[in-house]
Protein backbone atom coordinates (compact mmCIF):
# COMPACT_ATOMS: atom_id res chain seq x y z
CA MET A 1 0.00 0.00 0.00
CA ALA A 2 2.89 2.34 0.70
CA MET A 3 4.34 1.66 -2.74
CA ALA A 4 1.05 2.43 -4.46
CA ARG A 5 0.79 5.74 -2.63
CA ARG A 6 4.40 6.50 -3.43
CA ALA A 7 4.02 5.69 -7.15
CA GLY A 8 0.86 7.78 -7.34
CA SER A 9 2.45 10.76 -5.69
CA ARG A 10 5.53 10.49 -7.89
CA SER A 11 3.59 11.20 -11.07
CA LYS A 12 2.09 14.32 -9.50
CA THR A 13 5.48 15.67 -8.52
CA GLU A 14 7.02 15.08 -11.96
CA SER A 15 6.87 17.95 -14.38
CA THR A 16 4.84 17.82 -17.56
CA ILE A 17 7.98 17.65 -19.68
CA THR A 18 9.31 14.67 -17.71
CA ARG A 19 6.02 12.79 -18.09
CA GLY A 20 5.95 13.59 -21.82
CA VAL A 21 9.52 12.39 -22.33
CA ASN A 22 8.77 9.20 -20.38
CA LYS A 23 5.73 8.54 -22.58
CA VAL A 24 7.78 9.07 -25.75
CA PHE A 25 10.45 6.65 -24.52
CA GLY A 26 7.75 4.14 -23.60
CA PHE A 27 6.30 4.38 -27.10
CA VAL A 28 9.73 3.93 -28.71
CA ARG A 29 10.39 0.85 -26.57
CA ALA A 30 7.02 -0.63 -27.57
CA ALA A 31 7.36 0.14 -31.30
CA GLU A 32 11.10 -0.42 -31.71
CA PHE A 33 10.80 -3.21 -34.31
CA GLU A 34 8.32 -1.31 -36.46
CA ILE A 35 10.44 1.85 -36.35
CA LEU A 36 13.55 -0.08 -37.43
CA CYS A 37 11.64 -1.78 -40.28
CA VAL A 38 10.35 1.54 -41.60
CA LEU A 39 13.83 3.08 -41.40
CA PHE A 40 15.32 0.10 -43.24
CA ILE A 41 12.73 0.36 -46.03
CA ILE A 42 13.25 4.14 -46.39
CA ILE A 43 17.06 3.85 -46.47
CA THR A 44 16.89 0.98 -48.98
CA PHE A 45 14.51 2.97 -51.19
CA ILE A 46 16.77 6.04 -51.14
CA ILE A 47 19.88 4.01 -52.01
CA PHE A 48 18.14 2.10 -54.84
CA LYS A 49 16.58 5.31 -56.18
CA ASP A 50 20.00 6.98 -56.20
CA LEU A 51 21.60 4.04 -58.02
CA THR A 52 18.93 3.84 -60.70
CA SER A 53 18.97 7.60 -61.33
CA ARG A 54 22.56 7.51 -62.59
CA PRO A 55 22.77 6.59 -66.29
CA GLU A 56 25.92 4.48 -65.95
CA TYR A 57 24.34 2.27 -63.27
CA ASN A 58 20.98 2.19 -64.99
CA GLN A 59 22.63 0.64 -68.05
CA ILE A 60 23.98 -2.18 -65.90
CA LEU A 61 20.42 -3.03 -64.84
CA VAL A 62 18.88 -3.10 -68.34
CA LYS A 63 21.63 -4.12 -70.80
CA ARG A 64 23.71 -7.22 -71.28
CA GLN A 65 27.48 -7.01 -71.48
CA ASP A 66 27.46 -7.96 -75.21
CA GLY A 67 25.28 -4.95 -76.03
CA GLY A 68 21.92 -6.72 -76.29
CA PHE A 69 18.95 -6.09 -74.10
CA TRP A 70 17.37 -8.60 -71.74
CA PRO A 71 14.77 -10.70 -73.54
CA TYR A 72 12.09 -10.06 -70.90
């Protein structure tokens, strides 16, 4: 019972900024996997987009070494 009273009074003595920061950290801990997946997809997209926007690399993706194009 003393711990419940202590925990309840602690949140009242914390500032609004501290409670907000604690909630943000709690959210990041809960959604860590999803955040990392989204970051991986965004970084991969940016790198692939950069590679395909350069003409010299774009030719590697669409042409064969002997000068012909892919049949498909």
